[in-house]
Amino acid sequence: MNKTGHNRPPIDLDPKQTILKNLKRRSMIVDEGIRFYKNIPLPTWIELSLIDVCNRSCVFCPKSDPSVAPDTYQKMSRKLIDKLSSELKKIKYNGSIALCGYGEPLLHKDIEYIVKKLSKVCNVEIVTNGDVLSPKLLKKLYDAKAGRCLISMYDGPEQIDMFKSIIQKAKIPEDFVILRDRWYDDSQNFGVKLTNRTGTINIGNQLDTKVHSICYYPTYQFLIDWNGDVFLCPQDWQRRHSMGNMMQQDIFDIWVSASMNKFRKNLLKGKRCDKPCLDCNADGTLLGKNHAEIWKKIYKI
């Protein structure tokens, strides 16, 4: 655990350094130990959107606009979690699952069950704003075998001592939690890797959609929404193009589907020719290089 943690933020925090540390830590998960099933490289990162509601309304997030991303309070069922667990075991998945997506994961009443079930399959990370976190809940997540709890601090540096106190009271290893400074204004892109969320957000110093073309996202990951809909990546906040639904299909069949292959192949060629990719300004090459090279050979690119 110590090898990938960075839970001792200095007094003079730098949001760019925080982002770089997170990318370095994730690259160790995403780009190493790629496993194959039926001669197909498996993803190493799966994001779950457990619940479609958030208790915050951050200006850089589509949730700040109810006309785009309203709180529907819909939540992922135990049946879907059980099916996902079974299918990932079948293909011997060895990547990570991130609980975040389009809402605040800790608002899901079954969070302990979800973590305990999925952690029997692979590493599980929780990305939260920490607002509902208590020593008791944090200890439950640790005991459920979560691999990490990443807390995005949006209010200010005073939150560091608050969350460290919660960690201490929970009596868990300090490096189980990663504290991320996210309290900055638009002059520093709010402390996040700012994107337009496929044309949904225009606040801050946004890049033109023509700056980036090649994208590795669909070579190493995908997102599963609360109802089982599978999306290319977490950038598509308007849920424009579903690759399939895992309550109706096996997750591996969706991974190798014609639709997934079409987007994956086009993006490896630098062709953002279809929505939602056409409207996206995200740099899709920060992670997944090793996956991309394998898929290029498969597609003979």
Protein backbone atom coordinates (compact mmCIF):
# COMPACT_ATOMS: atom_id res chain seq x y z
CA MET A 1 0.00 0.00 0.00
CA ASN A 2 2.79 2.47 0.82
CA LYS A 3 4.18 2.25 -2.70
CA THR A 4 1.17 3.99 -4.26
CA GLY A 5 0.06 6.35 -1.48
CA HIS A 6 0.67 10.06 -1.04
CA ASN A 7 -1.18 11.00 2.10
CA ARG A 8 1.25 13.51 3.59
CA PRO A 9 0.40 16.75 1.79
CA PRO A 10 2.96 19.52 2.38
CA ILE A 11 2.06 22.91 3.83
CA ASP A 12 2.50 24.58 0.43
CA LEU A 13 0.20 22.46 -1.70
CA ASP A 14 0.40 22.43 -5.50
CA PRO A 15 -2.70 21.14 -7.34
CA LYS A 16 -0.62 20.20 -10.39
CA GLN A 17 1.61 17.98 -8.24
CA THR A 18 -1.46 16.33 -6.71
CA ILE A 19 -2.76 15.51 -10.19
CA LEU A 20 0.62 14.13 -11.29
CA LYS A 21 0.87 11.95 -8.17
CA ASN A 22 -2.59 10.56 -8.82
CA LEU A 23 -1.75 9.80 -12.45
CA LYS A 24 1.48 8.07 -11.42
CA ARG A 25 -0.35 5.99 -8.84
CA ARG A 26 -3.09 5.03 -11.29
CA SER A 27 -0.60 4.16 -14.03
CA MET A 28 0.79 1.43 -11.76
CA ILE A 29 -2.70 -0.08 -11.71
CA VAL A 30 -3.78 0.57 -15.29
CA ASP A 31 -0.63 -0.10 -17.28
CA GLU A 32 0.81 -3.13 -15.51
CA GLY A 33 -0.29 -6.76 -15.31
CA ILE A 34 -2.60 -6.77 -18.34
CA ARG A 35 -4.53 -10.02 -18.42
CA PHE A 36 -6.06 -11.73 -21.46
CA TYR A 37 -9.29 -13.69 -21.89
CA LYS A 38 -9.89 -15.58 -25.13
CA ASN A 39 -6.80 -13.80 -26.48
CA ILE A 40 -8.37 -10.39 -25.83
CA PRO A 41 -6.72 -7.87 -23.47
CA LEU A 42 -9.02 -7.12 -20.56
CA PRO A 43 -9.57 -3.67 -19.09
CA THR A 44 -7.73 -2.80 -15.90
CA TRP A 45 -10.03 -0.01 -14.72
CA ILE A 46 -13.81 -0.19 -14.29
CA GLU A 47 -15.71 2.76 -12.90
CA LEU A 48 -19.08 2.24 -11.23
CA SER A 49 -21.64 4.99 -10.83
CA LEU A 50 -23.48 3.59 -7.82
CA ILE A 51 -26.04 6.33 -7.29
CA ASP A 52 -27.32 9.22 -9.35
CA VAL A 53 -27.22 11.93 -6.71
CA CYS A 54 -24.59 14.16 -5.12
CA ASN A 55 -24.83 16.32 -2.01
CA ARG A 56 -22.60 18.96 -3.60
CA SER A 57 -22.91 21.18 -6.66
CA CYS A 58 -19.40 22.01 -7.88
CA VAL A 59 -19.24 24.56 -10.71
CA PHE A 60 -16.83 22.41 -12.76
CA CYS A 61 -19.15 19.39 -12.56
CA PRO A 62 -22.24 18.78 -14.73
CA LYS A 63 -24.19 18.11 -11.52
CA SER A 64 -24.21 21.89 -11.04
CA ASP A 65 -26.75 22.09 -13.88
CA PRO A 66 -29.99 20.15 -13.16
CA SER A 67 -31.00 20.42 -16.81
CA VAL A 68 -27.92 18.39 -17.78
CA ALA A 69 -27.34 16.06 -14.83
CA PRO A 70 -30.31 16.11 -12.45
CA ASP A 71 -30.30 14.14 -9.20
CA THR A 72 -32.59 11.19 -9.93
CA TYR A 73 -31.73 9.26 -6.74
CA GLN A 74 -31.59 6.04 -8.75
CA LYS A 75 -29.13 3.51 -7.34
CA MET A 76 -27.33 0.36 -8.41
CA SER A 77 -28.94 -2.86 -7.19
CA ARG A 78 -27.36 -5.75 -5.33
CA LYS A 79 -28.45 -7.96 -8.24
CA LEU A 80 -26.27 -5.97 -10.63
CA ILE A 81 -23.32 -6.03 -8.21
CA ASP A 82 -23.67 -9.79 -7.82
CA LYS A 83 -23.79 -10.31 -11.59
CA LEU A 84 -20.74 -8.11 -12.14
CA SER A 85 -18.83 -9.95 -9.42
CA SER A 86 -19.64 -13.32 -10.96
CA GLU A 87 -18.67 -12.30 -14.49
CA LEU A 88 -15.41 -10.67 -13.42
CA LYS A 89 -14.47 -13.84 -11.56
CA LYS A 90 -15.21 -15.85 -14.68
CA ILE A 91 -12.74 -13.87 -16.80
CA LYS A 92 -10.25 -13.67 -13.88
CA TYR A 93 -10.29 -9.91 -13.85
CA ASN A 94 -7.29 -8.47 -11.98
CA GLY A 95 -7.64 -4.73 -12.47
CA SER A 96 -9.35 -2.21 -10.21
CA ILE A 97 -12.88 -1.00 -9.66
CA ALA A 98 -13.44 2.66 -8.81
CA LEU A 99 -16.64 3.63 -7.03
CA CYS A 100 -17.38 7.20 -8.16
CA GLY A 101 -19.10 8.00 -11.47
CA TYR A 102 -21.99 10.46 -11.68
CA GLY A 103 -22.76 10.69 -7.97
CA GLU A 104 -21.42 10.47 -4.41
CA PRO A 105 -20.83 6.73 -3.72
CA LEU A 106 -21.07 6.97 0.07
CA LEU A 107 -24.73 8.03 -0.27
CA HIS A 108 -25.54 4.47 -1.40
CA LYS A 109 -27.00 2.60 1.58
CA ASP A 110 -25.41 -0.68 0.44
CA ILE A 111 -21.89 0.70 0.16
CA GLU A 112 -20.48 -1.75 2.70
CA TYR A 113 -22.06 -4.74 0.90
CA ILE A 114 -20.82 -3.48 -2.48
CA VAL A 115 -17.24 -3.04 -1.30
CA LYS A 116 -17.18 -6.39 0.49
CA LYS A 117 -18.60 -8.23 -2.55
CA LEU A 118 -16.34 -6.65 -5.17
CA SER A 119 -13.17 -6.70 -3.07
CA LYS A 120 -13.31 -10.49 -3.23
CA VAL A 121 -12.69 -10.12 -6.96
CA CYS A 122 -10.20 -7.26 -7.25
CA ASN A 123 -8.93 -4.01 -5.81
CA VAL A 124 -11.72 -1.54 -4.99
CA GLU A 125 -11.17 2.21 -4.69
CA ILE A 126 -13.68 4.73 -3.38
CA VAL A 127 -13.63 8.33 -4.59
CA THR A 128 -15.64 10.60 -2.31
CA ASN A 129 -16.05 14.19 -1.15
CA GLY A 130 -15.96 12.78 2.39
CA ASP A 131 -18.92 14.83 3.61
CA VAL A 132 -20.74 11.84 5.12
CA LEU A 133 -17.58 10.08 6.24
CA SER A 134 -17.25 9.22 9.91
CA PRO A 135 -14.69 7.13 11.82
CA LYS A 136 -17.26 4.32 12.02
CA LEU A 137 -18.00 4.32 8.27
CA LEU A 138 -14.33 4.59 7.35
CA LYS A 139 -13.54 1.58 9.56
CA LYS A 140 -16.36 -0.39 7.90
CA LEU A 141 -14.96 0.36 4.44
CA TYR A 142 -11.50 -0.70 5.57
CA ASP A 143 -12.85 -3.91 7.13
CA ALA A 144 -14.80 -4.60 3.93
CA LYS A 145 -11.37 -4.78 2.24
CA ALA A 146 -11.49 -1.61 0.16
CA GLY A 147 -8.06 -0.91 -1.27
CA ARG A 148 -8.17 2.87 -1.05
CA CYS A 149 -10.41 5.74 -0.05
CA LEU A 150 -9.65 8.91 -2.01
CA ILE A 151 -11.09 12.06 -0.48
CA SER A 152 -11.45 15.19 -2.60
CA MET A 153 -11.32 18.23 -0.32
CA TYR A 154 -13.27 21.12 -1.82
CA ASP A 155 -13.58 23.53 1.12
CA GLY A 156 -10.02 24.38 2.14
CA PRO A 157 -6.79 23.19 3.79
CA GLU A 158 -8.52 23.10 7.17
CA GLN A 159 -10.10 19.84 5.99
CA ILE A 160 -6.73 18.09 6.19
CA ASP A 161 -6.70 18.04 10.00
CA MET A 162 -10.38 17.12 10.09
CA PHE A 163 -9.94 14.05 7.91
CA LYS A 164 -6.70 13.05 9.63
CA SER A 165 -8.64 13.09 12.90
CA ILE A 166 -11.26 10.79 11.36
CA ILE A 167 -8.51 8.43 10.19
CA GLN A 168 -6.96 8.38 13.64
CA LYS A 169 -10.28 7.72 15.38
CA ALA A 170 -11.06 4.92 12.93
CA LYS A 171 -7.79 3.26 13.95
CA ILE A 172 -6.83 2.31 10.44
CA PRO A 173 -3.54 2.74 8.52
CA GLU A 174 -3.08 6.35 7.46
CA ASP A 175 -2.15 5.41 3.90
CA PHE A 176 -5.54 3.73 3.37
CA VAL A 177 -6.80 7.26 2.71
CA ILE A 178 -5.48 9.66 0.07
CA LEU A 179 -6.32 13.31 0.65
CA ARG A 180 -6.57 15.40 -2.52
CA ASP A 181 -6.60 19.21 -2.51
CA ARG A 182 -9.47 20.39 -4.71
CA TRP A 183 -10.38 23.75 -3.16
CA TYR A 184 -8.89 26.03 -5.84
CA ASP A 185 -10.62 28.57 -8.10
CA ASP A 186 -10.80 28.70 -11.88
CA SER A 187 -7.32 30.27 -12.16
CA GLN A 188 -5.96 26.83 -11.19
CA ASN A 189 -8.69 24.81 -12.91
CA PHE A 190 -10.27 24.05 -9.52
CA GLY A 191 -7.43 21.65 -8.72
CA VAL A 192 -8.73 19.00 -11.12
CA LYS A 193 -7.79 17.70 -14.56
CA LEU A 194 -10.39 19.98 -16.11
CA THR A 195 -12.29 18.83 -19.20
CA ASN A 196 -15.49 19.91 -20.89
CA ARG A 197 -17.18 16.56 -20.06
CA THR A 198 -17.88 15.98 -23.77
CA GLY A 199 -19.22 19.46 -24.40
CA THR A 200 -21.21 19.72 -21.18
CA ILE A 201 -19.02 22.17 -19.21
CA ASN A 202 -17.34 25.34 -20.51
CA ILE A 203 -16.08 26.87 -17.25
CA GLY A 204 -12.37 27.45 -16.59
CA ASN A 205 -9.44 27.30 -19.00
CA GLN A 206 -10.85 24.76 -21.42
CA LEU A 207 -8.86 23.42 -24.36
CA ASP A 208 -10.29 23.41 -27.87
CA THR A 209 -11.71 20.03 -28.93
CA LYS A 210 -9.16 19.90 -31.78
CA VAL A 211 -6.12 19.85 -29.45
CA HIS A 212 -6.36 16.13 -28.67
CA SER A 213 -7.37 13.41 -31.11
CA ILE A 214 -5.92 10.00 -30.16
CA CYS A 215 -7.56 8.49 -27.09
CA TYR A 216 -6.76 5.33 -25.11
CA TYR A 217 -9.81 5.36 -22.82
CA PRO A 218 -11.72 2.47 -24.46
CA THR A 219 -8.59 0.30 -24.60
CA TYR A 220 -8.30 -0.01 -20.82
CA GLN A 221 -11.54 1.01 -19.09
CA PHE A 222 -15.27 1.69 -19.18
CA LEU A 223 -18.00 3.01 -16.89
CA ILE A 224 -21.09 1.18 -15.65
CA ASP A 225 -24.06 3.36 -14.71
CA TRP A 226 -26.50 2.56 -11.87
CA ASN A 227 -28.85 0.67 -14.26
CA GLY A 228 -26.16 -1.41 -15.95
CA ASP A 229 -25.63 0.80 -19.01
CA VAL A 230 -21.99 0.67 -20.10
CA PHE A 231 -20.32 3.84 -21.40
CA LEU A 232 -16.95 4.43 -23.08
CA CYS A 233 -15.60 6.55 -20.27
CA PRO A 234 -16.55 8.86 -17.40
CA GLN A 235 -16.35 11.94 -19.64
CA ASP A 236 -19.76 11.24 -21.21
CA TRP A 237 -21.99 12.90 -18.63
CA GLN A 238 -24.99 13.12 -20.95
CA ARG A 239 -24.92 9.35 -21.43
CA ARG A 240 -25.20 9.81 -25.16
CA HIS A 241 -24.03 6.43 -26.42
CA SER A 242 -24.38 3.22 -24.43
CA MET A 243 -22.20 0.30 -25.48
CA GLY A 244 -24.72 -2.14 -24.01
CA ASN A 245 -26.35 -3.07 -20.73
CA MET A 246 -24.73 -5.61 -18.42
CA MET A 247 -28.09 -6.76 -17.05
CA GLN A 248 -28.91 -7.97 -20.56
CA GLN A 249 -25.44 -9.02 -21.76
CA ASP A 250 -22.21 -10.42 -20.33
CA ILE A 251 -19.69 -7.73 -19.57
CA PHE A 252 -17.04 -9.40 -21.74
CA ASP A 253 -19.43 -9.48 -24.72
CA ILE A 254 -19.91 -5.72 -24.36
CA TRP A 255 -16.13 -5.23 -24.14
CA VAL A 256 -15.67 -6.94 -27.54
CA SER A 257 -18.90 -5.70 -29.14
CA ALA A 258 -19.03 -4.10 -32.59
CA SER A 259 -19.86 -0.70 -31.09
CA MET A 260 -16.97 -0.82 -28.62
CA ASN A 261 -14.57 -1.94 -31.34
CA LYS A 262 -15.71 0.85 -33.65
CA PHE A 263 -15.02 3.59 -31.10
CA ARG A 264 -11.81 1.97 -29.88
CA LYS A 265 -10.38 1.62 -33.38
CA ASN A 266 -11.35 5.15 -34.45
CA LEU A 267 -9.89 6.72 -31.32
CA LEU A 268 -6.61 4.85 -31.73
CA LYS A 269 -6.45 6.35 -35.22
CA GLY A 270 -7.11 9.81 -33.81
CA LYS A 271 -10.61 9.99 -35.26
CA ARG A 272 -13.02 11.66 -32.86
CA CYS A 273 -15.71 11.47 -35.51
CA ASP A 274 -18.75 10.37 -33.49
CA LYS A 275 -20.50 11.79 -30.43
CA PRO A 276 -19.68 11.93 -27.58
CA CYS A 277 -16.00 11.89 -28.64
CA LEU A 278 -16.57 14.60 -31.25
CA ASP A 279 -17.34 17.12 -28.49
CA CYS A 280 -14.64 15.96 -26.06
CA ASN A 281 -11.47 17.91 -25.25
CA ALA A 282 -9.94 15.41 -22.78
CA ASP A 283 -6.38 14.18 -23.22
CA GLY A 284 -7.05 10.46 -23.58
CA THR A 285 -3.39 9.40 -23.67
CA LEU A 286 -2.41 10.03 -20.05
CA LEU A 287 -3.01 6.38 -19.14
CA GLY A 288 -3.34 3.12 -21.03
CA LYS A 289 -0.35 3.24 -23.38
CA ASN A 290 0.42 -0.46 -22.94
CA HIS A 291 -3.19 -1.40 -23.65
CA ALA A 292 -3.23 0.83 -26.71
CA GLU A 293 -0.15 -0.86 -28.19
CA ILE A 294 -1.77 -4.27 -27.82
CA TRP A 295 -5.01 -3.14 -29.48
CA LYS A 296 -3.08 -1.49 -32.30
CA LYS A 297 -1.54 -4.86 -33.11
CA ILE A 298 -4.94 -6.52 -33.01
CA TYR A 299 -6.39 -3.91 -35.39
CA LYS A 300 -3.18 -3.78 -37.42
CA ILE A 301 -2.93 -0.02 -37.05
